[in-house]
Amino acid sequence: MALPSISADDVADAVFLAATSVAGFLVGGVVGLVLGLFAGYAYLELLSRVADLEATVNALIREKEDLRERVETLEADRE
C-alpha cells in the first residue's frame, strides 16, 4: 500500500492552516487578556464606589445618633 504523493500545494495549505491557527490563538488570547483586564479594572472601580457609599452611610448614621442625643439633651434641659 503506497502513500499518496504530497504536492507543493498540500504543503502550502498545511503551512497556511498552521499559521492562521497560531495567529487566531494569539489574537484570541490577547482579546481575552484585554477583556479580563478591563473587567478587573471595572470591578475594582465598583468596589471603590461601594466602599465610598458605605463610608457615607456610616457617617450619616453616626450624625443621626449624635443629633438624636442632642435633641434628648435639649428636651431634658427644657423640662
N, C-alpha and C. Protein backbone atom coordinates (compact mmCIF):
# COMPACT_ATOMS: atom_id res chain seq x y z
N MET A 1 0.85 -1.16 0.00
CA MET A 1 0.00 0.00 0.00
C MET A 1 0.90 1.23 0.00
N ALA A 2 0.81 1.99 -1.03
CA ALA A 2 1.69 3.14 -1.20
C ALA A 2 1.03 4.39 -0.65
N LEU A 3 1.84 5.26 -0.09
CA LEU A 3 1.34 6.53 0.42
C LEU A 3 1.08 7.47 -0.74
N PRO A 4 0.05 8.31 -0.62
CA PRO A 4 -0.20 9.26 -1.70
C PRO A 4 0.91 10.31 -1.73
N SER A 5 1.17 10.80 -2.88
CA SER A 5 2.23 11.80 -3.01
C SER A 5 1.76 13.14 -2.44
N ILE A 6 2.69 13.87 -1.87
CA ILE A 6 2.39 15.18 -1.27
C ILE A 6 2.88 16.24 -2.24
N SER A 7 1.96 17.09 -2.64
CA SER A 7 2.34 18.13 -3.59
C SER A 7 2.72 19.41 -2.85
N ALA A 8 3.24 20.35 -3.58
CA ALA A 8 3.62 21.65 -3.00
C ALA A 8 2.39 22.40 -2.52
N ASP A 9 1.27 22.22 -3.20
CA ASP A 9 0.02 22.86 -2.76
C ASP A 9 -0.42 22.33 -1.40
N ASP A 10 -0.24 21.02 -1.18
CA ASP A 10 -0.60 20.44 0.11
C ASP A 10 0.27 21.02 1.23
N VAL A 11 1.54 21.18 0.97
CA VAL A 11 2.45 21.75 1.96
C VAL A 11 2.09 23.21 2.22
N ALA A 12 1.79 23.95 1.17
CA ALA A 12 1.41 25.36 1.33
C ALA A 12 0.12 25.48 2.13
N ASP A 13 -0.84 24.61 1.84
CA ASP A 13 -2.10 24.63 2.60
C ASP A 13 -1.86 24.30 4.07
N ALA A 14 -1.01 23.33 4.35
CA ALA A 14 -0.72 22.95 5.73
C ALA A 14 -0.03 24.10 6.47
N VAL A 15 0.91 24.75 5.82
CA VAL A 15 1.61 25.88 6.45
C VAL A 15 0.63 27.02 6.69
N PHE A 16 -0.23 27.30 5.71
CA PHE A 16 -1.22 28.37 5.86
C PHE A 16 -2.18 28.07 7.01
N LEU A 17 -2.67 26.84 7.09
CA LEU A 17 -3.58 26.47 8.17
C LEU A 17 -2.89 26.56 9.54
N ALA A 18 -1.65 26.13 9.61
CA ALA A 18 -0.92 26.21 10.88
C ALA A 18 -0.71 27.66 11.29
N ALA A 19 -0.32 28.50 10.32
CA ALA A 19 -0.07 29.91 10.62
C ALA A 19 -1.35 30.62 11.05
N THR A 20 -2.46 30.35 10.36
CA THR A 20 -3.71 31.01 10.73
C THR A 20 -4.22 30.49 12.07
N SER A 21 -3.99 29.22 12.37
CA SER A 21 -4.40 28.68 13.67
C SER A 21 -3.62 29.34 14.80
N VAL A 22 -2.31 29.48 14.63
CA VAL A 22 -1.48 30.13 15.65
C VAL A 22 -1.88 31.60 15.79
N ALA A 23 -2.08 32.28 14.66
CA ALA A 23 -2.47 33.69 14.71
C ALA A 23 -3.82 33.85 15.40
N GLY A 24 -4.77 32.99 15.08
CA GLY A 24 -6.08 33.06 15.72
C GLY A 24 -5.99 32.80 17.21
N PHE A 25 -5.17 31.84 17.60
CA PHE A 25 -4.99 31.54 19.02
C PHE A 25 -4.39 32.74 19.75
N LEU A 26 -3.37 33.37 19.15
CA LEU A 26 -2.73 34.52 19.78
C LEU A 26 -3.67 35.72 19.86
N VAL A 27 -4.40 35.97 18.78
CA VAL A 27 -5.35 37.10 18.79
C VAL A 27 -6.44 36.85 19.82
N GLY A 28 -6.94 35.63 19.88
CA GLY A 28 -7.96 35.31 20.88
C GLY A 28 -7.43 35.48 22.29
N GLY A 29 -6.18 35.09 22.51
CA GLY A 29 -5.58 35.26 23.83
C GLY A 29 -5.42 36.72 24.20
N VAL A 30 -5.00 37.54 23.24
CA VAL A 30 -4.84 38.97 23.51
C VAL A 30 -6.19 39.61 23.79
N VAL A 31 -7.19 39.26 23.00
CA VAL A 31 -8.53 39.82 23.23
C VAL A 31 -9.05 39.39 24.60
N GLY A 32 -8.87 38.13 24.95
CA GLY A 32 -9.29 37.65 26.26
C GLY A 32 -8.57 38.36 27.39
N LEU A 33 -7.28 38.59 27.21
CA LEU A 33 -6.50 39.30 28.23
C LEU A 33 -6.99 40.73 28.39
N VAL A 34 -7.22 41.40 27.28
CA VAL A 34 -7.70 42.79 27.35
C VAL A 34 -9.07 42.85 28.02
N LEU A 35 -9.97 41.96 27.64
CA LEU A 35 -11.30 41.95 28.25
C LEU A 35 -11.22 41.62 29.74
N GLY A 36 -10.36 40.69 30.10
CA GLY A 36 -10.19 40.34 31.50
C GLY A 36 -9.64 41.50 32.32
N LEU A 37 -8.66 42.20 31.78
CA LEU A 37 -8.10 43.35 32.49
C LEU A 37 -9.14 44.46 32.63
N PHE A 38 -9.91 44.69 31.57
CA PHE A 38 -10.94 45.72 31.63
C PHE A 38 -12.00 45.36 32.68
N ALA A 39 -12.41 44.10 32.69
CA ALA A 39 -13.41 43.67 33.67
C ALA A 39 -12.86 43.78 35.09
N GLY A 40 -11.61 43.43 35.28
CA GLY A 40 -11.00 43.56 36.60
C GLY A 40 -10.92 45.00 37.06
N TYR A 41 -10.55 45.90 36.15
CA TYR A 41 -10.49 47.32 36.49
C TYR A 41 -11.88 47.85 36.83
N ALA A 42 -12.88 47.46 36.05
CA ALA A 42 -14.25 47.90 36.32
C ALA A 42 -14.73 47.37 37.67
N TYR A 43 -14.37 46.14 38.01
CA TYR A 43 -14.76 45.56 39.29
C TYR A 43 -14.10 46.32 40.45
N LEU A 44 -12.83 46.65 40.30
CA LEU A 44 -12.15 47.40 41.36
C LEU A 44 -12.74 48.80 41.51
N GLU A 45 -13.09 49.42 40.40
CA GLU A 45 -13.72 50.74 40.46
C GLU A 45 -15.08 50.65 41.16
N LEU A 46 -15.82 49.61 40.86
CA LEU A 46 -17.12 49.40 41.51
C LEU A 46 -16.96 49.17 43.01
N LEU A 47 -15.97 48.38 43.39
CA LEU A 47 -15.71 48.16 44.81
C LEU A 47 -15.33 49.45 45.52
N SER A 48 -14.58 50.29 44.84
CA SER A 48 -14.19 51.58 45.42
C SER A 48 -15.42 52.45 45.66
N ARG A 49 -16.32 52.47 44.70
CA ARG A 49 -17.54 53.26 44.86
C ARG A 49 -18.42 52.71 45.98
N VAL A 50 -18.51 51.40 46.08
CA VAL A 50 -19.29 50.79 47.16
C VAL A 50 -18.69 51.14 48.51
N ALA A 51 -17.37 51.12 48.61
CA ALA A 51 -16.71 51.48 49.87
C ALA A 51 -16.99 52.94 50.22
N ASP A 52 -16.96 53.83 49.22
CA ASP A 52 -17.28 55.24 49.48
C ASP A 52 -18.72 55.40 49.96
N LEU A 53 -19.64 54.68 49.33
CA LEU A 53 -21.04 54.75 49.76
C LEU A 53 -21.21 54.22 51.17
N GLU A 54 -20.52 53.15 51.49
CA GLU A 54 -20.61 52.58 52.84
C GLU A 54 -20.08 53.57 53.88
N ALA A 55 -18.98 54.23 53.57
CA ALA A 55 -18.43 55.22 54.49
C ALA A 55 -19.40 56.39 54.68
N THR A 56 -20.04 56.81 53.60
CA THR A 56 -21.01 57.91 53.68
C THR A 56 -22.21 57.51 54.53
N VAL A 57 -22.72 56.32 54.32
CA VAL A 57 -23.87 55.84 55.10
C VAL A 57 -23.50 55.73 56.57
N ASN A 58 -22.33 55.22 56.87
CA ASN A 58 -21.90 55.11 58.27
C ASN A 58 -21.76 56.48 58.91
N ALA A 59 -21.23 57.45 58.17
CA ALA A 59 -21.11 58.82 58.70
C ALA A 59 -22.49 59.41 58.97
N LEU A 60 -23.44 59.18 58.07
CA LEU A 60 -24.80 59.68 58.27
C LEU A 60 -25.46 59.03 59.48
N ILE A 61 -25.23 57.77 59.68
CA ILE A 61 -25.80 57.08 60.84
C ILE A 61 -25.22 57.66 62.13
N ARG A 62 -23.90 57.88 62.15
CA ARG A 62 -23.29 58.48 63.35
C ARG A 62 -23.85 59.88 63.59
N GLU A 63 -24.00 60.66 62.52
CA GLU A 63 -24.54 62.01 62.67
C GLU A 63 -25.98 61.97 63.18
N LYS A 64 -26.76 61.02 62.70
CA LYS A 64 -28.15 60.88 63.16
C LYS A 64 -28.18 60.56 64.65
N GLU A 65 -27.30 59.66 65.08
CA GLU A 65 -27.25 59.32 66.51
C GLU A 65 -26.82 60.51 67.35
N ASP A 66 -25.85 61.28 66.86
CA ASP A 66 -25.42 62.48 67.59
C ASP A 66 -26.55 63.50 67.69
N LEU A 67 -27.27 63.69 66.59
CA LEU A 67 -28.38 64.64 66.61
C LEU A 67 -29.49 64.16 67.55
N ARG A 68 -29.75 62.89 67.58
CA ARG A 68 -30.77 62.34 68.48
C ARG A 68 -30.37 62.59 69.94
N GLU A 69 -29.09 62.39 70.24
CA GLU A 69 -28.62 62.66 71.61
C GLU A 69 -28.74 64.14 71.95
N ARG A 70 -28.43 65.01 71.00
CA ARG A 70 -28.56 66.46 71.26
C ARG A 70 -30.01 66.85 71.50
N VAL A 71 -30.92 66.26 70.72
CA VAL A 71 -32.35 66.55 70.91
C VAL A 71 -32.79 66.09 72.29
N GLU A 72 -32.37 64.90 72.69
CA GLU A 72 -32.72 64.40 74.02
C GLU A 72 -32.16 65.31 75.11
N THR A 73 -30.94 65.79 74.92
CA THR A 73 -30.34 66.70 75.90
C THR A 73 -31.11 68.01 75.96
N LEU A 74 -31.47 68.56 74.81
CA LEU A 74 -32.22 69.82 74.78
C LEU A 74 -33.61 69.64 75.40
N GLU A 75 -34.25 68.52 75.14
CA GLU A 75 -35.57 68.28 75.74
C GLU A 75 -35.45 68.11 77.25
N ALA A 76 -34.38 67.48 77.69
CA ALA A 76 -34.18 67.31 79.13
C ALA A 76 -33.90 68.66 79.79
N ASP A 77 -33.15 69.53 79.12
CA ASP A 77 -32.86 70.86 79.66
C ASP A 77 -34.11 71.73 79.70
N ARG A 78 -35.01 71.53 78.77
CA ARG A 78 -36.23 72.32 78.70
C ARG A 78 -37.14 72.01 79.90
N GLU A 79 -37.13 70.77 80.33
CA GLU A 79 -38.01 70.36 81.43
C GLU A 79 -37.46 70.85 82.69
